Structure formats: C-alpha cells, structure tokens
C-alpha atoms as a PDB file:
ATOM      1  CA  UNK A   1    -231.649-136.096  61.582  1.00  0.00           C
ATOM      2  CA  UNK A   2    -234.648-135.821  63.898  1.00  0.00           C
ATOM      3  CA  UNK A   3    -234.023-134.022  67.174  1.00  0.00           C
ATOM      4  CA  UNK A   4    -235.706-135.385  70.280  1.00  0.00           C
ATOM      5  CA  UNK A   5    -237.302-133.097  72.845  1.00  0.00           C
ATOM      6  CA  UNK A   6    -238.905-134.015  76.152  1.00  0.00           C
ATOM      7  CA  UNK A   7    -242.091-132.755  77.812  1.00  0.00           C
ATOM      8  CA  UNK A   8    -240.221-129.923  79.580  1.00  0.00           C
ATOM      9  CA  UNK A   9    -238.935-128.689  76.211  1.00  0.00           C
ATOM     10  CA  UNK A  10    -242.466-128.861  74.840  1.00  0.00           C
ATOM     11  CA  UNK A  11    -243.800-126.856  77.767  1.00  0.00           C
ATOM     12  CA  UNK A  12    -241.108-124.213  77.239  1.00  0.00           C
ATOM     13  CA  UNK A  13    -241.994-123.998  73.543  1.00  0.00           C
ATOM     14  CA  UNK A  14    -245.665-123.680  74.426  1.00  0.00           C
ATOM     15  CA  UNK A  15    -244.964-120.817  76.830  1.00  0.00           C
ATOM     16  CA  UNK A  16    -242.906-119.081  74.159  1.00  0.00           C
ATOM     17  CA  UNK A  17    -245.801-119.625  71.766  1.00  0.00           C
ATOM     18  CA  UNK A  18    -248.179-117.932  74.208  1.00  0.00           C
ATOM     19  CA  UNK A  19    -245.833-114.974  74.623  1.00  0.00           C
ATOM     20  CA  UNK A  20    -242.228-114.988  73.413  1.00  0.00           C
ATOM     21  CA  UNK A  21    -241.454-111.883  75.462  1.00  0.00           C
ATOM     22  CA  UNK A  22    -241.944-113.691  78.740  1.00  0.00           C
ATOM     23  CA  UNK A  23    -238.846-113.592  80.934  1.00  0.00           C
ATOM     24  CA  UNK A  24    -236.882-116.730  81.750  1.00  0.00           C
ATOM     25  CA  UNK A  25    -238.110-116.430  85.334  1.00  0.00           C
ATOM     26  CA  UNK A  26    -241.759-116.256  84.247  1.00  0.00           C
ATOM     27  CA  UNK A  27    -241.381-119.300  82.003  1.00  0.00           C
ATOM     28  CA  UNK A  28    -239.514-121.167  84.734  1.00  0.00           C
ATOM     29  CA  UNK A  29    -242.324-120.689  87.246  1.00  0.00           C
ATOM     30  CA  UNK A  30    -244.881-122.066  84.790  1.00  0.00           C
ATOM     31  CA  UNK A  31    -242.744-124.988  83.639  1.00  0.00           C
ATOM     32  CA  UNK A  32    -241.254-125.870  87.021  1.00  0.00           C
ATOM     33  CA  UNK A  33    -237.573-125.295  86.202  1.00  0.00           C
ATOM     34  CA  UNK A  34    -234.930-122.824  87.327  1.00  0.00           C
ATOM     35  CA  UNK A  35    -234.091-119.759  85.258  1.00  0.00           C
ATOM     36  CA  UNK A  36    -230.645-121.027  84.192  1.00  0.00           C
ATOM     37  CA  UNK A  37    -232.133-124.359  83.081  1.00  0.00           C
ATOM     38  CA  UNK A  38    -234.752-122.550  80.985  1.00  0.00           C
ATOM     39  CA  UNK A  39    -231.977-120.460  79.415  1.00  0.00           C
ATOM     40  CA  UNK A  40    -229.902-123.571  78.622  1.00  0.00           C
ATOM     41  CA  UNK A  41    -232.831-125.440  77.067  1.00  0.00           C
ATOM     42  CA  UNK A  42    -233.904-122.467  74.911  1.00  0.00           C
ATOM     43  CA  UNK A  43    -230.348-121.925  73.653  1.00  0.00           C
ATOM     44  CA  UNK A  44    -230.023-125.628  72.873  1.00  0.00           C
ATOM     45  CA  UNK A  45    -233.269-125.639  70.888  1.00  0.00           C
ATOM     46  CA  UNK A  46    -232.121-122.525  69.009  1.00  0.00           C
ATOM     47  CA  UNK A  47    -228.759-124.124  68.164  1.00  0.00           C
ATOM     48  CA  UNK A  48    -230.441-127.345  67.043  1.00  0.00           C
ATOM     49  CA  UNK A  49    -232.793-125.418  64.765  1.00  0.00           C
ATOM     50  CA  UNK A  50    -235.965-126.326  66.646  1.00  0.00           C
ATOM     51  CA  UNK A  51    -236.517-122.626  67.316  1.00  0.00           C
ATOM     52  CA  UNK A  52    -235.766-120.758  64.089  1.00  0.00           C
ATOM     53  CA  UNK A  53    -236.625-117.226  65.183  1.00  0.00           C
ATOM     54  CA  UNK A  54    -239.059-115.096  67.157  1.00  0.00           C
ATOM     55  CA  UNK A  55    -241.614-113.066  65.262  1.00  0.00           C
ATOM     56  CA  UNK A  56    -244.296-110.502  65.984  1.00  0.00           C
ATOM     57  CA  UNK A  57    -247.854-110.885  64.722  1.00  0.00           C
ATOM     58  CA  UNK A  58    -249.051-107.431  63.611  1.00  0.00           C
ATOM     59  CA  UNK A  59    -252.594-106.627  62.486  1.00  0.00           C
ATOM     60  CA  UNK A  60    -251.991-104.811  59.203  1.00  0.00           C
ATOM     61  CA  UNK A  61    -255.649-103.879  58.897  1.00  0.00           C
ATOM     62  CA  UNK A  62    -255.445-101.850  62.115  1.00  0.00           C
ATOM     63  CA  UNK A  63    -252.864 -99.678  60.369  1.00  0.00           C
ATOM     64  CA  UNK A  64    -255.032 -99.159  57.291  1.00  0.00           C
ATOM     65  CA  UNK A  65    -253.277-101.649  55.030  1.00  0.00           C
ATOM     66  CA  UNK A  66    -254.748-104.186  52.627  1.00  0.00           C
ATOM     67  CA  UNK A  67    -253.060-107.591  52.614  1.00  0.00           C
ATOM     68  CA  UNK A  68    -252.399-109.042  49.162  1.00  0.00           C
ATOM     69  CA  UNK A  69    -251.023-112.494  48.502  1.00  0.00           C
ATOM     70  CA  UNK A  70    -249.856-114.133  45.302  1.00  0.00           C
ATOM     71  CA  UNK A  71    -248.378-117.424  44.224  1.00  0.00           C
ATOM     72  CA  UNK A  72    -245.911-118.086  41.430  1.00  0.00           C
ATOM     73  CA  UNK A  73    -244.844-121.133  39.424  1.00  0.00           C
ATOM     74  CA  UNK A  74    -241.413-120.743  37.821  1.00  0.00           C
ATOM     75  CA  UNK A  75    -240.306-121.600  34.315  1.00  0.00           C
ATOM     76  CA  UNK A  76    -236.943-121.337  32.522  1.00  0.00           C
ATOM     77  CA  UNK A  77    -235.187-120.353  35.755  1.00  0.00           C
ATOM     78  CA  UNK A  78    -231.631-121.112  36.753  1.00  0.00           C
ATOM     79  CA  UNK A  79    -230.767-121.147  40.469  1.00  0.00           C
ATOM     80  CA  UNK A  80    -229.166-117.728  39.995  1.00  0.00           C
ATOM     81  CA  UNK A  81    -232.281-116.215  38.415  1.00  0.00           C
ATOM     82  CA  UNK A  82    -234.508-117.750  41.074  1.00  0.00           C
ATOM     83  CA  UNK A  83    -232.357-116.248  43.813  1.00  0.00           C
ATOM     84  CA  UNK A  84    -232.476-112.849  42.113  1.00  0.00           C
ATOM     85  CA  UNK A  85    -236.284-112.963  41.999  1.00  0.00           C
ATOM     86  CA  UNK A  86    -236.506-113.944  45.657  1.00  0.00           C
ATOM     87  CA  UNK A  87    -234.014-111.236  46.623  1.00  0.00           C
ATOM     88  CA  UNK A  88    -236.015-108.683  44.639  1.00  0.00           C
ATOM     89  CA  UNK A  89    -239.212-109.622  46.478  1.00  0.00           C
ATOM     90  CA  UNK A  90    -237.558-109.725  49.907  1.00  0.00           C
ATOM     91  CA  UNK A  91    -236.125-106.229  49.417  1.00  0.00           C
ATOM     92  CA  UNK A  92    -239.485-104.792  48.341  1.00  0.00           C
ATOM     93  CA  UNK A  93    -240.424-102.469  51.221  1.00  0.00           C
ATOM     94  CA  UNK A  94    -244.063-103.602  51.359  1.00  0.00           C
ATOM     95  CA  UNK A  95    -243.307-107.335  51.424  1.00  0.00           C
ATOM     96  CA  UNK A  96    -244.062-108.998  54.755  1.00  0.00           C
ATOM     97  CA  UNK A  97    -243.590-112.693  53.858  1.00  0.00           C
ATOM     98  CA  UNK A  98    -241.792-114.576  51.068  1.00  0.00           C
ATOM     99  CA  UNK A  99    -241.773-118.360  51.294  1.00  0.00           C
ATOM    100  CA  UNK A 100    -241.050-121.438  49.184  1.00  0.00           C
ATOM    101  CA  UNK A 101    -243.792-123.957  48.428  1.00  0.00           C
ATOM    102  CA  UNK A 102    -243.712-127.611  47.416  1.00  0.00           C
ATOM    103  CA  UNK A 103    -246.567-128.459  45.068  1.00  0.00           C
ATOM    104  CA  UNK A 104    -248.389-126.629  42.290  1.00  0.00           C
ATOM    105  CA  UNK A 105    -246.719-123.321  43.103  1.00  0.00           C
ATOM    106  CA  UNK A 106    -243.084-122.576  43.893  1.00  0.00           C
ATOM    107  CA  UNK A 107    -243.291-119.303  45.764  1.00  0.00           C
ATOM    108  CA  UNK A 108    -245.774-117.413  47.933  1.00  0.00           C
ATOM    109  CA  UNK A 109    -245.652-113.696  48.752  1.00  0.00           C
ATOM    110  CA  UNK A 110    -247.632-111.473  51.132  1.00  0.00           C
ATOM    111  CA  UNK A 111    -247.717-107.695  50.713  1.00  0.00           C
ATOM    112  CA  UNK A 112    -249.048-104.825  52.805  1.00  0.00           C
ATOM    113  CA  UNK A 113    -250.325-102.021  50.579  1.00  0.00           C
ATOM    114  CA  UNK A 114    -252.660 -99.076  51.028  1.00  0.00           C
ATOM    115  CA  UNK A 115    -254.839 -99.633  47.957  1.00  0.00           C
ATOM    116  CA  UNK A 116    -255.364-101.562  44.710  1.00  0.00           C
ATOM    117  CA  UNK A 117    -253.429 -99.000  42.689  1.00  0.00           C
ATOM    118  CA  UNK A 118    -250.312 -99.601  44.791  1.00  0.00           C
ATOM    119  CA  UNK A 119    -250.603-103.317  44.078  1.00  0.00           C
ATOM    120  CA  UNK A 120    -251.100-102.699  40.356  1.00  0.00           C
ATOM    121  CA  UNK A 121    -247.908-100.628  40.208  1.00  0.00           C
ATOM    122  CA  UNK A 122    -245.974-103.292  42.094  1.00  0.00           C
ATOM    123  CA  UNK A 123    -247.399-106.096  39.947  1.00  0.00           C
ATOM    124  CA  UNK A 124    -246.638-104.368  36.638  1.00  0.00           C
ATOM    125  CA  UNK A 125    -243.080-103.579  37.688  1.00  0.00           C
ATOM    126  CA  UNK A 126    -242.465-107.155  38.793  1.00  0.00           C
ATOM    127  CA  UNK A 127    -243.842-108.578  35.542  1.00  0.00           C
ATOM    128  CA  UNK A 128    -241.720-106.151  33.501  1.00  0.00           C
ATOM    129  CA  UNK A 129    -238.617-107.409  35.296  1.00  0.00           C
ATOM    130  CA  UNK A 130    -239.337-111.122  35.667  1.00  0.00           C
ATOM    131  CA  UNK A 131    -242.640-111.972  33.981  1.00  0.00           C
ATOM    132  CA  UNK A 132    -241.011-114.324  31.451  1.00  0.00           C
ATOM    133  CA  UNK A 133    -239.974-116.623  34.289  1.00  0.00           C
ATOM    134  CA  UNK A 134    -243.506-117.230  35.587  1.00  0.00           C
ATOM    135  CA  UNK A 135    -245.437-120.140  34.102  1.00  0.00           C
ATOM    136  CA  UNK A 136    -248.407-119.433  36.352  1.00  0.00           C
ATOM    137  CA  UNK A 137    -249.361-116.641  38.712  1.00  0.00           C
ATOM    138  CA  UNK A 138    -252.399-115.984  40.862  1.00  0.00           C
ATOM    139  CA  UNK A 139    -253.210-113.316  43.423  1.00  0.00           C
ATOM    140  CA  UNK A 140    -255.972-112.541  45.906  1.00  0.00           C
ATOM    141  CA  UNK A 141    -256.928-110.303  48.814  1.00  0.00           C
ATOM    142  CA  UNK A 142    -256.675-111.513  52.385  1.00  0.00           C
ATOM    143  CA  UNK A 143    -259.891-110.494  54.140  1.00  0.00           C
ATOM    144  CA  UNK A 144    -259.657-112.629  57.269  1.00  0.00           C
ATOM    145  CA  UNK A 145    -257.258-115.115  58.737  1.00  0.00           C
ATOM    146  CA  UNK A 146    -256.983-117.288  61.801  1.00  0.00           C
ATOM    147  CA  UNK A 147    -253.902-118.358  63.672  1.00  0.00           C
ATOM    148  CA  UNK A 148    -253.711-121.214  66.142  1.00  0.00           C
ATOM    149  CA  UNK A 149    -251.676-121.928  69.221  1.00  0.00           C
ATOM    150  CA  UNK A 150    -249.235-124.809  68.933  1.00  0.00           C
ATOM    151  CA  UNK A 151    -251.220-126.815  71.478  1.00  0.00           C
ATOM    152  CA  UNK A 152    -249.926-130.099  70.060  1.00  0.00           C
ATOM    153  CA  UNK A 153    -246.761-129.408  72.035  1.00  0.00           C
ATOM    154  CA  UNK A 154    -248.562-130.370  75.220  1.00  0.00           C
ATOM    155  CA  UNK A 155    -249.836-133.636  73.755  1.00  0.00           C
ATOM    156  CA  UNK A 156    -253.086-134.344  75.668  1.00  0.00           C
ATOM    157  CA  UNK A 157    -252.678-131.594  78.254  1.00  0.00           C
ATOM    158  CA  UNK A 158    -254.856-129.022  76.507  1.00  0.00           C
ATOM    159  CA  UNK A 159    -258.428-128.381  75.460  1.00  0.00           C
ATOM    160  CA  UNK A 160    -258.964-128.486  71.713  1.00  0.00           C
ATOM    161  CA  UNK A 161    -261.332-125.537  72.038  1.00  0.00           C
ATOM    162  CA  UNK A 162    -258.364-123.420  73.157  1.00  0.00           C
ATOM    163  CA  UNK A 163    -256.420-123.833  69.922  1.00  0.00           C
ATOM    164  CA  UNK A 164    -257.824-120.767  68.127  1.00  0.00           C
ATOM    165  CA  UNK A 165    -255.671-117.895  69.324  1.00  0.00           C
ATOM    166  CA  UNK A 166    -256.154-114.934  66.998  1.00  0.00           C
ATOM    167  CA  UNK A 167    -258.701-113.856  64.409  1.00  0.00           C
ATOM    168  CA  UNK A 168    -257.729-110.908  62.213  1.00  0.00           C
ATOM    169  CA  UNK A 169    -260.376-109.335  59.992  1.00  0.00           C
ATOM    170  CA  UNK A 170    -259.920-106.769  57.232  1.00  0.00           C
ATOM    171  CA  UNK A 171    -262.509-104.975  55.173  1.00  0.00           C
ATOM    172  CA  UNK A 172    -264.155-102.456  57.467  1.00  0.00           C
ATOM    173  CA  UNK A 173    -261.852-102.989  60.429  1.00  0.00           C
ATOM    174  CA  UNK A 174    -261.403 -99.880  62.577  1.00  0.00           C
ATOM    175  CA  UNK A 175    -257.969 -98.376  62.025  1.00  0.00           C
ATOM    176  CA  UNK A 176    -255.733 -96.760  64.627  1.00  0.00           C
ATOM    177  CA  UNK A 177    -253.207 -93.952  64.321  1.00  0.00           C
ATOM    178  CA  UNK A 178    -249.569 -94.522  65.231  1.00  0.00           C
ATOM    179  CA  UNK A 179    -246.554 -92.287  64.724  1.00  0.00           C
ATOM    180  CA  UNK A 180    -243.173 -92.754  63.063  1.00  0.00           C
ATOM    181  CA  UNK A 181    -241.583 -93.984  66.288  1.00  0.00           C
ATOM    182  CA  UNK A 182    -244.183 -96.757  66.563  1.00  0.00           C
ATOM    183  CA  UNK A 183    -243.482 -97.833  62.980  1.00  0.00           C
ATOM    184  CA  UNK A 184    -239.748 -97.955  63.711  1.00  0.00           C
ATOM    185  CA  UNK A 185    -240.432 -99.982  66.840  1.00  0.00           C
ATOM    186  CA  UNK A 186    -242.601-102.424  64.882  1.00  0.00           C
ATOM    187  CA  UNK A 187    -239.813-102.852  62.325  1.00  0.00           C
ATOM    188  CA  UNK A 188    -237.322-103.625  65.086  1.00  0.00           C
ATOM    189  CA  UNK A 189    -239.550-105.971  67.065  1.00  0.00           C
ATOM    190  CA  UNK A 190    -240.551-107.809  63.885  1.00  0.00           C
ATOM    191  CA  UNK A 191    -236.926-108.903  63.470  1.00  0.00           C
ATOM    192  CA  UNK A 192    -236.734-110.425  66.945  1.00  0.00           C
ATOM    193  CA  UNK A 193    -239.779-110.619  69.197  1.00  0.00           C
ATOM    194  CA  UNK A 194    -237.550-111.436  72.194  1.00  0.00           C
ATOM    195  CA  UNK A 195    -235.239-108.461  71.713  1.00  0.00           C
ATOM    196  CA  UNK A 196    -234.464-106.960  75.160  1.00  0.00           C
ATOM    197  CA  UNK A 197    -235.871-103.504  75.894  1.00  0.00           C
ATOM    198  CA  UNK A 198    -232.377-102.113  76.347  1.00  0.00           C
ATOM    199  CA  UNK A 199    -231.324-103.310  72.866  1.00  0.00           C
ATOM    200  CA  UNK A 200    -234.440-101.836  71.277  1.00  0.00           C
ATOM    201  CA  UNK A 201    -233.862 -98.559  73.126  1.00  0.00           C
ATOM    202  CA  UNK A 202    -230.279 -98.376  71.880  1.00  0.00           C
ATOM    203  CA  UNK A 203    -231.308 -98.924  68.261  1.00  0.00           C
ATOM    204  CA  UNK A 204    -234.138 -96.391  68.543  1.00  0.00           C
ATOM    205  CA  UNK A 205    -232.055 -93.877  70.505  1.00  0.00           C
ATOM    206  CA  UNK A 206    -234.453 -93.578  73.419  1.00  0.00           C
ATOM    207  CA  UNK A 207    -234.987 -94.931  76.941  1.00  0.00           C
ATOM    208  CA  UNK A 208    -236.058 -98.499  77.700  1.00  0.00           C
ATOM    209  CA  UNK A 209    -239.016 -97.028  79.603  1.00  0.00           C
ATOM    210  CA  UNK A 210    -240.146 -95.319  76.407  1.00  0.00           C
ATOM    211  CA  UNK A 211    -239.902 -98.586  74.459  1.00  0.00           C
ATOM    212  CA  UNK A 212    -241.817-100.484  77.128  1.00  0.00           C
ATOM    213  CA  UNK A 213    -244.596 -97.867  77.203  1.00  0.00           C
ATOM    214  CA  UNK A 214    -244.967 -97.839  73.427  1.00  0.00           C
ATOM    215  CA  UNK A 215    -245.008-101.638  73.209  1.00  0.00           C
ATOM    216  CA  UNK A 216    -247.752-101.851  75.810  1.00  0.00           C
ATOM    217  CA  UNK A 217    -249.715 -99.193  73.914  1.00  0.00           C
ATOM    218  CA  UNK A 218    -249.413-101.079  70.606  1.00  0.00           C
ATOM    219  CA  UNK A 219    -250.653-104.219  72.349  1.00  0.00           C
ATOM    220  CA  UNK A 220    -253.521-102.311  73.955  1.00  0.00           C
ATOM    221  CA  UNK A 221    -254.533-100.921  70.547  1.00  0.00           C
ATOM    222  CA  UNK A 222    -254.364-104.512  69.204  1.00  0.00           C
ATOM    223  CA  UNK A 223    -251.834-103.540  66.548  1.00  0.00           C
ATOM    224  CA  UNK A 224    -249.528-106.160  68.034  1.00  0.00           C
ATOM    225  CA  UNK A 225    -251.459-109.398  68.381  1.00  0.00           C
ATOM    226  CA  UNK A 226    -248.744-111.726  69.646  1.00  0.00           C
ATOM    227  CA  UNK A 227    -245.049-112.514  70.045  1.00  0.00           C
ATOM    228  CA  UNK A 228    -244.349-116.038  68.842  1.00  0.00           C
ATOM    229  CA  UNK A 229    -241.489-118.437  68.001  1.00  0.00           C
ATOM    230  CA  UNK A 230    -240.858-119.929  64.602  1.00  0.00           C
ATOM    231  CA  UNK A 231    -240.822-123.650  65.400  1.00  0.00           C
ATOM    232  CA  UNK A 232    -239.270-126.136  62.996  1.00  0.00           C
END
C-alpha cells in the first residue's frame, strides 16, 4: 500500500538528507513547523517505513582502504542456503554493504580491504564454502563514486545543478590517521546516524563532549562525508 506524504514531510526528509544529525529545532526552523510537530512527523514516517534507518557516509579511501564490489547469481539454492550465504557475508568484518538485486544478478556485496591479497583470501574462502551455489560471479574495484541529494523531494523547488552532493575518489587519495576510539565511534555512528551524543558516550564509556569533539574532527578530516536517511 502506497503511503502519502505532503510537502512538509518532503521538506523534513530533505533536511534529514542534508544532515540527519540536525536537531528537531533546527529542522523546524527551516521547515516552518514546531519541534513537537517535527518529532511526530519523523516518528510517523519511521513507523510507516518511509524512513528505514539513518546511515553515515564514510570515505573508506581516507582510511587507506580499497573498496571491492562483487555480484553473484545463485544456483541450486534453497531459501535456507541463501540465508546462510547472506548471513555469512553480513558477519564478515570487512563487509560494508550486502544487498539483494532484481535482474541478472541476485546479490551485491561491498568490501573494505587494505590490499588485493586480503581480497584474494576472502574470495578463496568464500568459494570454498559456497562456490557451488554461484552460477555467475563478477568483481571489480571501486575507484570513484558519486552520491546525490534526494532533491526530488522538493519537486520543483531546487536547482538541478545542486543534486551532486559528494564525490569520493580512491587511487592516490591522501589518507588520514585515526585512532582506535575513532574507529569505535565510526562503528557506532554507522548503525544510527541520529544517535544522541549521550547514547554514544555511554556505549563508548566517555563524555558526550569527547564524542562531539571527535565527530567534528572526523568531519573536518573528511572521513565522515554525510549523515543521511535511508528513504523507502
């Protein structure tokens, strides 16, 4: 069943798309609604499945990683086997995205790895475990990608030239150094880009001021590119 949203909902979604960590008050001022109304509308869109989650766009190249992607077409798989393969890939520590596809391929996977040898070891292990269930497989390196703002939400109230939001380039990109705390923070914020500072601080056993400082530093270093909603 299709869910209807009005222009105010679209404007809220667009503000979340620009920066999901904006406060309700900040969004309200830009949309022209009170804080409690913004809260109600966001919760409603979450409950109705319009907003699926909030995610953090991280530049893997800045951290010295290579981004690999591969696509798989299944054969001879039962639902149980398919779920086991997906679970195996999701639990792989270097996996950043696993998603289903309709078309030539059935599954797509993105990995962050330090070098080709790491990918070879992963690939060989996966084929040893599940290779018989793949009718076709293809992989490649991600050198550059573009992401776009969801400007369609505003209908005609935007400039088409403003759609390109982020350009991430690998290859010879300059890397930055971060410590173990930063990596833990990235893991936490990746799960929920709107997680309150106090919740992050509790999980990381530190002060909210510390979390706020480190987040700002990761943004300044361009490790964190954006905080965005998953819109259905």
